[in-house]
Protein backbone atom coordinates (compact mmCIF):
# COMPACT_ATOMS: atom_id res chain seq x y z
CA MET A 1 -21.40 9.83 24.13
CA ASN A 2 -18.11 10.49 25.90
CA LYS A 3 -15.43 7.85 26.18
CA VAL A 4 -12.34 7.68 28.38
CA VAL A 5 -9.55 5.18 27.69
CA ASP A 6 -5.98 4.65 28.82
CA GLU A 7 -3.28 5.87 26.49
CA ILE A 8 -1.53 3.01 24.67
CA ASP A 9 2.25 3.04 24.62
CA PHE A 10 3.12 1.98 21.05
CA THR A 11 6.86 2.10 21.78
CA LYS A 12 6.57 -1.27 23.55
CA PRO A 13 5.55 -4.57 21.91
CA ILE A 14 1.91 -5.56 22.31
CA ILE A 15 2.00 -9.33 21.87
CA ARG A 16 -1.11 -11.45 21.39
CA ARG A 17 -0.88 -15.24 21.30
CA LYS A 18 -3.36 -17.57 19.59
CA SER A 19 -3.12 -21.33 19.24
CA LEU A 20 -4.69 -24.31 17.52
CA SER A 21 -3.94 -27.99 17.15
CA ALA A 22 -3.84 -30.12 14.03
CA SER A 23 -3.62 -33.84 13.32
CA ASN A 24 -2.86 -35.94 10.27
CA ASN A 25 -3.16 -39.72 9.99
CA GLY A 26 -0.43 -40.28 7.40
CA ASN A 27 -2.42 -39.09 4.40
CA MET A 28 -3.27 -35.79 2.68
CA THR A 29 -6.06 -34.89 5.14
CA THR A 30 -5.31 -32.63 8.10
CA THR A 31 -7.90 -31.72 10.71
CA VAL A 32 -7.37 -28.43 12.49
CA GLU A 33 -9.02 -27.78 15.86
CA PHE A 34 -9.69 -24.15 16.71
CA PRO A 35 -10.16 -24.27 20.51
CA GLU A 36 -12.82 -21.58 20.82
CA PHE A 37 -14.68 -22.44 17.62
CA PHE A 38 -14.75 -25.67 15.58
CA SER A 39 -12.64 -28.05 13.56
CA MET A 40 -11.81 -27.72 9.88
CA THR A 41 -10.40 -30.19 7.39
CA PHE A 42 -7.78 -29.39 4.79
CA ASP A 43 -7.20 -31.89 2.03
CA GLU A 44 -6.09 -32.15 -1.57
CA PRO A 45 -8.45 -32.93 -4.44
CA VAL A 46 -8.76 -36.59 -5.39
CA LYS A 47 -6.91 -35.94 -8.67
CA HIS A 48 -3.93 -34.66 -6.62
CA GLY A 49 -3.80 -37.67 -4.29
CA GLY A 50 -6.18 -36.46 -1.58
CA GLU A 51 -9.68 -37.51 -0.65
CA GLY A 52 -11.33 -34.17 -1.45
CA LYS A 53 -12.60 -33.74 2.13
CA GLY A 54 -11.94 -30.01 2.25
CA PRO A 55 -10.11 -27.09 0.70
CA SER A 56 -6.40 -27.36 0.04
CA PRO A 57 -4.06 -25.66 2.51
CA LEU A 58 -3.26 -23.04 -0.12
CA GLN A 59 -6.96 -22.30 -0.57
CA GLY A 60 -7.02 -21.89 3.21
CA VAL A 61 -4.27 -19.27 2.96
CA LEU A 62 -6.22 -17.45 0.25
CA ALA A 63 -9.36 -17.56 2.42
CA SER A 64 -7.31 -16.23 5.33
CA LEU A 65 -6.16 -13.34 3.15
CA CYS A 66 -9.77 -12.42 2.35
CA GLY A 67 -10.80 -12.72 5.99
CA CYS A 68 -7.84 -10.72 7.23
CA GLU A 69 -8.35 -7.99 4.65
CA ALA A 70 -12.03 -7.77 5.70
CA VAL A 71 -11.21 -7.50 9.41
CA THR A 72 -8.42 -5.00 8.78
CA PHE A 73 -10.62 -2.94 6.43
CA ASN A 74 -13.35 -2.84 9.07
CA ARG A 75 -10.97 -1.63 11.80
CA THR A 76 -9.35 0.89 9.46
CA ALA A 77 -12.72 2.18 8.24
CA LYS A 78 -13.80 2.77 11.85
CA ASP A 79 -10.53 4.56 12.63
CA MET A 80 -10.94 6.77 9.55
CA ASP A 81 -14.71 7.33 9.95
CA PHE A 82 -15.38 5.64 6.59
CA SER A 83 -18.88 4.28 6.01
CA TYR A 84 -19.49 1.11 4.01
CA ASN A 85 -22.09 -1.66 3.82
CA GLY A 86 -19.99 -4.69 3.00
CA LEU A 87 -17.20 -6.30 1.02
CA LYS A 88 -17.26 -9.10 -1.54
CA PHE A 89 -14.06 -10.90 -2.50
CA ASP A 90 -13.13 -12.85 -5.60
CA ALA A 91 -9.70 -14.43 -5.18
CA GLU A 92 -7.37 -16.69 -7.13
CA PHE A 93 -3.79 -17.85 -7.08
CA THR A 94 -1.31 -19.56 -9.37
CA ILE A 95 1.46 -21.91 -8.35
CA ASP A 96 4.20 -23.70 -10.25
CA ILE A 97 3.77 -27.18 -8.79
CA ARG A 98 7.32 -28.18 -9.69
CA GLY A 99 8.40 -26.45 -6.45
CA ARG A 100 6.29 -28.68 -4.21
CA MET A 101 7.39 -31.68 -6.27
CA GLY A 102 10.99 -31.08 -5.24
CA VAL A 103 12.50 -28.83 -7.90
CA ARG A 104 14.55 -26.61 -5.57
CA SER A 105 14.98 -23.74 -8.03
CA ILE A 106 11.19 -23.18 -8.08
CA VAL A 107 9.46 -21.62 -5.06
CA PRO A 108 6.80 -23.97 -3.65
CA HIS A 109 4.39 -21.21 -2.67
CA PHE A 110 2.11 -18.91 -4.63
CA LYS A 111 3.45 -17.42 -7.83
CA THR A 112 0.61 -14.90 -8.10
CA VAL A 113 -2.36 -13.87 -5.98
CA ARG A 114 -5.18 -11.77 -7.38
CA LEU A 115 -8.02 -10.23 -5.39
CA GLN A 116 -11.01 -8.25 -6.52
CA VAL A 117 -12.69 -6.57 -3.60
CA HIS A 118 -16.07 -4.97 -4.16
CA VAL A 119 -16.70 -2.28 -1.54
CA ASN A 120 -20.32 -1.24 -1.11
CA THR A 121 -20.07 2.43 -0.14
CA GLU A 122 -21.43 5.89 -0.85
CA GLU A 123 -18.07 7.42 0.12
CA GLU A 124 -15.97 9.18 -2.53
CA GLU A 125 -13.31 7.26 -4.46
CA GLU A 126 -10.46 9.26 -2.89
CA ARG A 127 -11.65 8.34 0.63
CA LEU A 128 -11.77 4.68 -0.40
CA ARG A 129 -8.20 4.94 -1.71
CA GLU A 130 -7.06 6.27 1.68
CA VAL A 131 -8.73 3.43 3.58
CA VAL A 132 -7.37 0.82 1.14
CA GLU A 133 -3.82 2.15 1.44
CA GLU A 134 -3.98 2.00 5.23
CA THR A 135 -5.69 -1.42 5.18
CA GLU A 136 -2.96 -2.92 3.01
CA ALA A 137 -0.27 -1.42 5.25
CA ARG A 138 -1.90 -2.94 8.36
CA CYS A 139 -3.09 -6.36 7.13
CA PRO A 140 -0.85 -9.16 8.49
CA VAL A 141 -1.73 -11.81 5.88
CA PHE A 142 -1.45 -9.34 2.98
CA ASN A 143 2.02 -8.34 4.15
CA LEU A 144 3.08 -11.95 4.81
CA ILE A 145 2.26 -12.86 1.21
CA LYS A 146 3.77 -9.65 -0.19
CA ASP A 147 6.97 -10.09 1.85
CA ALA A 148 7.32 -13.63 0.44
CA GLY A 149 7.84 -12.01 -2.96
CA VAL A 150 4.52 -13.17 -4.38
CA GLU A 151 3.14 -11.08 -7.24
CA LEU A 152 0.14 -9.70 -5.35
CA GLU A 153 -2.54 -7.66 -7.09
CA CYS A 154 -5.60 -6.25 -5.35
CA LEU A 155 -8.27 -4.43 -7.32
CA TRP A 156 -10.63 -2.54 -5.04
CA ILE A 157 -13.93 -1.74 -6.78
CA ARG A 158 -16.23 0.93 -5.40
CA SER A 159 -19.89 -0.06 -5.72
CA THR A 160 -22.89 1.96 -4.66
CA GLN A 161 -25.46 -0.81 -5.17
CA LYS A 162 -27.74 -1.54 -2.24
């Protein structure tokens, strides 16, 4: 199949805008409305003063990292003609809670983030390395976390299981 597209001028900014709204009733629970989709609740666990109605905001950031890596990997794989059948993420973070409790010398965000990404593919390991390198260079959430100085470790595991 033939395809004709306009050339994209990458010397000029290509800005995309997305929006959402969020509300909080003076407690630990925040409801986020995604206009084209649904609402989601972020909360803290009961033992941390919340009501346990949803994931913590930091768990939301970690989930966003997994989702963004998946989307970016998919786009990169298509660009690089890399075949795969899926990704599975295991993710964790550590935080020194003294920062969010007001100790100014301690950063209030993640201290470490660890990802294990299982890539189901028949492609060779070297090809996977190429796609991973490009994915990590392109992924907005990965780079946001990395640029914040967080110790970020991603282990990409090639799996050929069906």
